[in-house]
C-alpha atoms as a PDB file:
ATOM      1  CA  UNK A   1       0.003  -0.011   0.002  1.00  0.00           C
ATOM      2  CA  UNK A   2       1.273   3.421  -0.946  1.00  0.00           C
ATOM      3  CA  UNK A   3      -0.219   6.784  -0.002  1.00  0.00           C
ATOM      4  CA  UNK A   4       0.656   9.768  -2.159  1.00  0.00           C
ATOM      5  CA  UNK A   5       0.436  13.484  -1.352  1.00  0.00           C
ATOM      6  CA  UNK A   6       1.134  16.160  -3.957  1.00  0.00           C
ATOM      7  CA  UNK A   7       2.292  19.693  -3.228  1.00  0.00           C
ATOM      8  CA  UNK A   8       3.822  22.675  -4.989  1.00  0.00           C
ATOM      9  CA  UNK A   9       0.948  23.788  -7.153  1.00  0.00           C
ATOM     10  CA  UNK A  10      -0.126  27.387  -7.440  1.00  0.00           C
ATOM     11  CA  UNK A  11      -0.710  30.359  -9.700  1.00  0.00           C
ATOM     12  CA  UNK A  12       2.087  31.394 -12.069  1.00  0.00           C
ATOM     13  CA  UNK A  13       2.359  33.648 -15.091  1.00  0.00           C
ATOM     14  CA  UNK A  14       2.977  32.214 -18.525  1.00  0.00           C
ATOM     15  CA  UNK A  15       6.670  31.526 -18.988  1.00  0.00           C
ATOM     16  CA  UNK A  16       7.152  30.864 -15.299  1.00  0.00           C
ATOM     17  CA  UNK A  17       8.206  27.749 -13.427  1.00  0.00           C
ATOM     18  CA  UNK A  18       6.896  25.493 -10.701  1.00  0.00           C
ATOM     19  CA  UNK A  19       8.130  22.331  -9.048  1.00  0.00           C
ATOM     20  CA  UNK A  20       5.598  19.758  -7.936  1.00  0.00           C
ATOM     21  CA  UNK A  21       6.411  17.178  -5.291  1.00  0.00           C
ATOM     22  CA  UNK A  22       4.785  13.850  -4.548  1.00  0.00           C
ATOM     23  CA  UNK A  23       5.544  12.441  -1.125  1.00  0.00           C
ATOM     24  CA  UNK A  24       4.900   8.749  -0.642  1.00  0.00           C
ATOM     25  CA  UNK A  25       4.356   6.760   2.499  1.00  0.00           C
ATOM     26  CA  UNK A  26       5.171   3.113   2.791  1.00  0.00           C
ATOM     27  CA  UNK A  27       8.430   1.243   2.560  1.00  0.00           C
ATOM     28  CA  UNK A  28       7.787  -0.080  -0.939  1.00  0.00           C
ATOM     29  CA  UNK A  29       7.927   3.252  -2.784  1.00  0.00           C
ATOM     30  CA  UNK A  30      11.121   2.323  -4.551  1.00  0.00           C
ATOM     31  CA  UNK A  31       9.624  -0.699  -6.311  1.00  0.00           C
ATOM     32  CA  UNK A  32       6.890   1.234  -8.104  1.00  0.00           C
ATOM     33  CA  UNK A  33       6.908   3.029 -11.378  1.00  0.00           C
ATOM     34  CA  UNK A  34       5.632   6.553 -10.914  1.00  0.00           C
ATOM     35  CA  UNK A  35       3.788   9.019 -13.074  1.00  0.00           C
ATOM     36  CA  UNK A  36       2.276  12.472 -13.273  1.00  0.00           C
ATOM     37  CA  UNK A  37      -1.086  13.044 -14.898  1.00  0.00           C
ATOM     38  CA  UNK A  38      -3.249  16.135 -15.196  1.00  0.00           C
ATOM     39  CA  UNK A  39      -6.900  16.924 -15.657  1.00  0.00           C
ATOM     40  CA  UNK A  40      -8.352  20.194 -16.878  1.00  0.00           C
ATOM     41  CA  UNK A  41     -12.009  21.105 -16.362  1.00  0.00           C
ATOM     42  CA  UNK A  42     -14.245  19.188 -18.722  1.00  0.00           C
ATOM     43  CA  UNK A  43     -11.396  17.045 -20.014  1.00  0.00           C
ATOM     44  CA  UNK A  44     -10.176  13.552 -19.351  1.00  0.00           C
ATOM     45  CA  UNK A  45      -7.169  12.872 -17.209  1.00  0.00           C
ATOM     46  CA  UNK A  46      -4.064  12.828 -19.397  1.00  0.00           C
ATOM     47  CA  UNK A  47      -0.548  11.550 -19.144  1.00  0.00           C
ATOM     48  CA  UNK A  48       2.209  14.091 -18.455  1.00  0.00           C
ATOM     49  CA  UNK A  49       5.366  12.229 -17.463  1.00  0.00           C
ATOM     50  CA  UNK A  50       6.532   8.991 -15.837  1.00  0.00           C
ATOM     51  CA  UNK A  51       9.595   7.126 -14.778  1.00  0.00           C
ATOM     52  CA  UNK A  52      10.454   3.591 -13.811  1.00  0.00           C
ATOM     53  CA  UNK A  53      11.223   2.445 -10.277  1.00  0.00           C
ATOM     54  CA  UNK A  54      14.950   3.049 -10.738  1.00  0.00           C
ATOM     55  CA  UNK A  55      14.510   6.291 -12.620  1.00  0.00           C
ATOM     56  CA  UNK A  56      16.483   4.860 -15.508  1.00  0.00           C
ATOM     57  CA  UNK A  57      13.627   5.214 -18.000  1.00  0.00           C
ATOM     58  CA  UNK A  58      11.469   8.291 -18.421  1.00  0.00           C
ATOM     59  CA  UNK A  59       8.573   9.139 -20.674  1.00  0.00           C
ATOM     60  CA  UNK A  60       6.945  12.463 -21.485  1.00  0.00           C
ATOM     61  CA  UNK A  61       3.877  13.636 -23.294  1.00  0.00           C
ATOM     62  CA  UNK A  62       4.756  15.498 -26.469  1.00  0.00           C
ATOM     63  CA  UNK A  63       3.078  18.617 -25.122  1.00  0.00           C
ATOM     64  CA  UNK A  64       5.546  18.895 -22.220  1.00  0.00           C
ATOM     65  CA  UNK A  65       8.704  17.391 -23.705  1.00  0.00           C
ATOM     66  CA  UNK A  66      11.623  19.756 -23.303  1.00  0.00           C
ATOM     67  CA  UNK A  67       9.799  21.848 -20.681  1.00  0.00           C
ATOM     68  CA  UNK A  68       9.103  19.402 -17.843  1.00  0.00           C
ATOM     69  CA  UNK A  69      11.499  17.095 -16.035  1.00  0.00           C
ATOM     70  CA  UNK A  70      10.465  14.174 -13.857  1.00  0.00           C
ATOM     71  CA  UNK A  71      12.717  12.771 -11.166  1.00  0.00           C
ATOM     72  CA  UNK A  72      12.590  10.749  -7.973  1.00  0.00           C
ATOM     73  CA  UNK A  73      14.550  10.277  -4.772  1.00  0.00           C
ATOM     74  CA  UNK A  74      13.888   6.784  -3.494  1.00  0.00           C
ATOM     75  CA  UNK A  75      15.830   7.430  -0.304  1.00  0.00           C
ATOM     76  CA  UNK A  76      13.377  10.228   0.562  1.00  0.00           C
ATOM     77  CA  UNK A  77      10.266   8.635  -0.978  1.00  0.00           C
ATOM     78  CA  UNK A  78       9.653  11.699  -3.114  1.00  0.00           C
ATOM     79  CA  UNK A  79       8.985  12.267  -6.777  1.00  0.00           C
ATOM     80  CA  UNK A  80       9.261  15.651  -8.497  1.00  0.00           C
ATOM     81  CA  UNK A  81       7.982  17.352 -11.597  1.00  0.00           C
ATOM     82  CA  UNK A  82       9.971  20.430 -12.529  1.00  0.00           C
ATOM     83  CA  UNK A  83       7.985  22.566 -14.916  1.00  0.00           C
ATOM     84  CA  UNK A  84       9.525  25.375 -16.994  1.00  0.00           C
ATOM     85  CA  UNK A  85       8.117  27.694 -19.650  1.00  0.00           C
ATOM     86  CA  UNK A  86       4.609  27.147 -18.418  1.00  0.00           C
ATOM     87  CA  UNK A  87       1.728  27.888 -20.753  1.00  0.00           C
ATOM     88  CA  UNK A  88      -1.955  28.635 -20.023  1.00  0.00           C
ATOM     89  CA  UNK A  89      -2.824  25.239 -21.536  1.00  0.00           C
ATOM     90  CA  UNK A  90      -0.840  23.592 -18.710  1.00  0.00           C
ATOM     91  CA  UNK A  91      -3.529  24.715 -16.299  1.00  0.00           C
ATOM     92  CA  UNK A  92      -4.992  21.631 -14.622  1.00  0.00           C
ATOM     93  CA  UNK A  93      -5.097  19.585 -11.479  1.00  0.00           C
ATOM     94  CA  UNK A  94      -1.915  17.518 -11.400  1.00  0.00           C
ATOM     95  CA  UNK A  95      -1.968  14.042  -9.913  1.00  0.00           C
ATOM     96  CA  UNK A  96       0.867  11.698  -9.043  1.00  0.00           C
ATOM     97  CA  UNK A  97       0.417   7.957  -9.365  1.00  0.00           C
ATOM     98  CA  UNK A  98       2.245   4.779  -8.471  1.00  0.00           C
ATOM     99  CA  UNK A  99       1.963   1.283  -9.818  1.00  0.00           C
ATOM    100  CA  UNK A 100       3.618  -1.767 -11.231  1.00  0.00           C
ATOM    101  CA  UNK A 101       2.450  -0.963 -14.742  1.00  0.00           C
ATOM    102  CA  UNK A 102       4.536  -1.794 -17.757  1.00  0.00           C
ATOM    103  CA  UNK A 103       2.759   0.943 -19.720  1.00  0.00           C
ATOM    104  CA  UNK A 104       3.788   4.166 -18.085  1.00  0.00           C
ATOM    105  CA  UNK A 105       1.399   6.350 -20.043  1.00  0.00           C
ATOM    106  CA  UNK A 106      -2.039   4.943 -19.214  1.00  0.00           C
ATOM    107  CA  UNK A 107      -4.257   5.899 -16.299  1.00  0.00           C
ATOM    108  CA  UNK A 108      -5.412   2.329 -15.843  1.00  0.00           C
ATOM    109  CA  UNK A 109      -1.916   1.126 -15.220  1.00  0.00           C
ATOM    110  CA  UNK A 110      -1.563   2.858 -11.875  1.00  0.00           C
ATOM    111  CA  UNK A 111      -3.044   1.519  -8.651  1.00  0.00           C
ATOM    112  CA  UNK A 112      -2.365   4.415  -6.303  1.00  0.00           C
ATOM    113  CA  UNK A 113      -3.239   8.096  -6.730  1.00  0.00           C
ATOM    114  CA  UNK A 114      -2.781  11.289  -4.823  1.00  0.00           C
ATOM    115  CA  UNK A 115      -5.475  13.878  -4.249  1.00  0.00           C
ATOM    116  CA  UNK A 116      -4.069  16.332  -6.778  1.00  0.00           C
ATOM    117  CA  UNK A 117      -2.624  19.831  -6.717  1.00  0.00           C
ATOM    118  CA  UNK A 118      -3.915  22.765  -8.781  1.00  0.00           C
ATOM    119  CA  UNK A 119      -1.639  24.480 -11.254  1.00  0.00           C
ATOM    120  CA  UNK A 120      -2.965  27.655 -12.857  1.00  0.00           C
ATOM    121  CA  UNK A 121      -1.007  29.498 -15.536  1.00  0.00           C
ATOM    122  CA  UNK A 122      -2.184  32.993 -16.371  1.00  0.00           C
ATOM    123  CA  UNK A 123      -1.601  34.588 -19.743  1.00  0.00           C
END
């Protein structure tokens, strides 16, 4: 069992930066692949970024590639999403997720979810 808590969201102007954190409880954090997803009002939850349990493999949505960086610190049970050059279309609730999925990009592959943190980018 893993419990996830996101933090770091907020209001930022276009072109700005934010760093999201996902703190995990439980001693098995390091065995799970981890991902970030987001959901804007009226839209489905979509994949943003993910990385494997070791951090050796990462995956990004085309819309954030080159602007966002995902990382994890297994010793601290924390995952990060560093976001640069933010755009108004990045506005959404951001969720972190954990699971043993082999497909890092699908919602259904993750068993554990946080409660989400709001990111709002003003133009």
